[in-house]
Amino acid sequence: MINAECRVSKWMLVAGAAGFMAVGAGVHALAQQPPVPGGIVIQRDAEIAKEEPGTHNGGGQTVGYSFFKDVPNLSLVFRKRAFKPGSGVGHHLQKEDEIYYVLSGRGTMTLDGKTVDITPGTAVLTRPGSSHSLKQVGSEDLVVLINYQVEPRK
């Protein structure tokens, strides 16, 4: 009886391994298929740079880079903004998750009433219901990436 059970168990192990290898081969074949055309958009700073006032009545002058803003069905906003000396983002209530990432320069952010310094390498997540403002400080432009989600544009 033990030998029969061993033979059945070995058969099940071999069958299971063969099935796993077949699934793995299928996944590998899918991974090697070419991507669907039209799935990539490339933009460069120089193509989309636009001089704009500080957002949310923050004052001063900035250069905004609204990447992919005209791409249909995209729910992610991806921006870069260079804040000139003295410019900023005015105080406002946050309605969606928003991420700021500092590339260069220095600034201060007031987050729910508390002021913090932001420098290169600093990432800040503001959540719905919180409030914040941002001010460029120093002589160098404050350059940040800003990301948040929106309803996709059709």
Protein backbone atom coordinates (compact mmCIF):
# COMPACT_ATOMS: atom_id res chain seq x y z
CA MET A 1 0.00 0.00 0.00
CA ILE A 2 2.83 2.41 0.76
CA ASN A 3 4.43 1.83 -2.65
CA ALA A 4 1.14 2.62 -4.43
CA GLU A 5 0.77 5.81 -2.44
CA CYS A 6 4.37 6.79 -3.21
CA ARG A 7 3.81 6.19 -6.94
CA VAL A 8 0.65 8.34 -6.88
CA SER A 9 2.43 11.10 -4.96
CA LYS A 10 5.39 11.06 -7.36
CA TRP A 11 2.99 11.21 -10.33
CA MET A 12 1.16 14.18 -8.78
CA LEU A 13 4.50 15.95 -8.16
CA VAL A 14 5.64 15.39 -11.78
CA ALA A 15 2.24 16.54 -13.17
CA GLY A 16 2.25 19.62 -10.94
CA ALA A 17 5.79 20.55 -12.00
CA ALA A 18 4.90 20.14 -15.69
CA GLY A 19 1.85 22.35 -15.23
CA PHE A 20 3.88 24.99 -13.44
CA MET A 21 6.50 24.98 -16.24
CA ALA A 22 3.74 25.34 -18.88
CA VAL A 23 2.26 28.33 -17.05
CA GLY A 24 5.74 29.84 -16.66
CA ALA A 25 6.39 29.43 -20.40
CA GLY A 26 3.07 31.16 -21.15
CA VAL A 27 3.93 34.09 -18.89
CA HIS A 28 7.37 34.33 -20.51
CA ALA A 29 5.78 34.40 -23.99
CA LEU A 30 3.41 37.19 -22.90
CA ALA A 31 6.30 39.21 -21.50
CA GLN A 32 8.09 39.06 -24.86
CA GLN A 33 5.17 40.37 -26.91
CA PRO A 34 5.73 43.87 -28.32
CA PRO A 35 3.94 46.74 -26.56
CA VAL A 36 0.79 48.17 -28.08
CA PRO A 37 1.71 51.16 -30.29
CA GLY A 38 0.82 54.61 -28.99
CA GLY A 39 1.46 53.86 -25.33
CA ILE A 40 4.39 56.25 -24.82
CA VAL A 41 4.49 60.05 -24.66
CA ILE A 42 7.74 61.99 -24.32
CA GLN A 43 7.89 65.69 -23.42
CA ARG A 44 10.79 67.97 -22.62
CA ASP A 45 10.99 71.04 -20.37
CA ALA A 46 11.73 73.41 -23.25
CA GLU A 47 8.60 72.29 -25.13
CA ILE A 48 6.13 73.01 -22.33
CA ALA A 49 7.70 75.68 -20.07
CA LYS A 50 5.25 78.47 -19.31
CA GLU A 51 5.78 81.57 -17.17
CA GLU A 52 2.99 81.74 -14.58
CA PRO A 53 2.22 83.59 -11.36
CA GLY A 54 2.54 81.73 -8.07
CA THR A 55 -0.41 79.35 -7.72
CA HIS A 56 -3.29 79.81 -5.25
CA ASN A 57 -2.44 83.54 -5.16
CA GLY A 58 1.04 82.78 -3.85
CA GLY A 59 2.57 85.77 -5.59
CA GLY A 60 5.73 86.23 -7.56
CA GLN A 61 6.73 84.59 -10.82
CA THR A 62 7.22 80.90 -11.57
CA VAL A 63 7.90 78.69 -14.56
CA GLY A 64 5.41 75.83 -14.79
CA TYR A 65 5.93 72.56 -16.63
CA SER A 66 2.61 70.69 -16.93
CA PHE A 67 3.71 67.38 -18.40
CA PHE A 68 1.10 65.32 -20.27
CA LYS A 69 -1.75 67.78 -19.53
CA ASP A 70 -3.35 67.16 -22.94
CA VAL A 71 -3.08 63.36 -22.85
CA PRO A 72 -6.59 61.84 -22.74
CA ASN A 73 -7.58 59.32 -20.04
CA LEU A 74 -4.66 60.19 -17.76
CA SER A 75 -5.60 60.55 -14.10
CA LEU A 76 -2.14 61.57 -12.88
CA VAL A 77 -0.98 65.19 -12.84
CA PHE A 78 2.80 65.44 -13.11
CA ARG A 79 4.23 68.95 -12.88
CA LYS A 80 7.51 70.65 -12.30
CA ARG A 81 7.54 74.23 -11.06
CA ALA A 82 10.47 76.61 -10.69
CA PHE A 83 9.68 79.28 -8.09
CA LYS A 84 11.59 82.51 -8.71
CA PRO A 85 12.83 84.46 -5.64
CA GLY A 86 9.91 85.57 -3.47
CA SER A 87 7.25 83.49 -5.23
CA GLY A 88 5.13 80.73 -3.76
CA VAL A 89 1.92 78.76 -3.42
CA GLY A 90 -0.78 80.53 -1.44
CA HIS A 91 -2.39 78.95 1.60
CA HIS A 92 -5.18 76.55 0.62
CA LEU A 93 -7.14 73.52 1.80
CA GLN A 94 -6.07 70.25 0.20
CA LYS A 95 -8.77 68.28 -1.65
CA GLU A 96 -6.73 65.27 -2.80
CA ASP A 97 -3.43 63.58 -1.96
CA GLU A 98 -0.62 65.72 -3.37
CA ILE A 99 3.12 65.09 -3.35
CA TYR A 100 5.83 67.75 -3.53
CA TYR A 101 9.44 66.71 -4.15
CA VAL A 102 12.25 69.30 -4.00
CA LEU A 103 14.84 69.05 -6.78
CA SER A 104 16.83 72.21 -5.99
CA GLY A 105 16.71 75.46 -4.06
CA ARG A 106 15.18 76.16 -0.68
CA GLY A 107 11.74 76.97 0.62
CA THR A 108 9.43 76.92 3.59
CA MET A 109 6.08 75.17 3.74
CA THR A 110 3.40 75.93 6.25
CA LEU A 111 1.61 72.62 6.87
CA ASP A 112 -1.49 72.80 9.06
CA GLY A 113 -0.05 75.90 10.73
CA LYS A 114 3.48 74.54 11.29
CA THR A 115 6.34 75.95 9.18
CA VAL A 116 9.06 73.56 7.98
CA ASP A 117 12.14 74.07 5.80
CA ILE A 118 12.27 72.16 2.54
CA THR A 119 15.52 71.46 0.67
CA PRO A 120 16.66 69.13 -2.14
CA GLY A 121 15.63 65.56 -1.45
CA THR A 122 12.62 66.55 0.68
CA ALA A 123 9.29 64.88 -0.17
CA VAL A 124 6.03 66.18 1.34
CA LEU A 125 2.67 64.41 1.14
CA THR A 126 -0.36 66.60 1.82
CA ARG A 127 -3.59 64.71 2.50
CA PRO A 128 -7.21 65.73 1.94
CA GLY A 129 -8.41 68.06 4.71
CA SER A 130 -4.95 69.42 5.48
CA SER A 131 -3.83 72.90 4.47
CA HIS A 132 -0.53 74.24 3.21
CA SER A 133 1.38 77.03 1.53
CA LEU A 134 4.89 77.23 0.12
CA LYS A 135 7.40 80.08 -0.18
CA GLN A 136 10.68 80.16 -2.05
CA VAL A 137 13.59 81.47 0.10
CA GLY A 138 17.15 82.42 -0.84
CA SER A 139 18.58 83.55 -4.16
CA GLU A 140 18.27 80.30 -6.11
CA ASP A 141 15.02 79.14 -7.76
CA LEU A 142 13.11 76.54 -5.76
CA VAL A 143 12.37 73.69 -8.19
CA VAL A 144 9.81 71.05 -7.20
CA LEU A 145 7.93 68.15 -8.75
CA ILE A 146 4.22 68.05 -7.91
CA ASN A 147 1.97 65.02 -8.37
CA TYR A 148 -1.70 64.35 -7.68
CA GLN A 149 -4.65 62.53 -9.18
CA VAL A 150 -7.61 64.02 -11.06
CA GLU A 151 -10.57 62.75 -13.03
CA PRO A 152 -9.15 61.69 -16.42
CA ARG A 153 -9.66 64.11 -19.28
CA LYS A 154 -11.55 62.56 -22.22
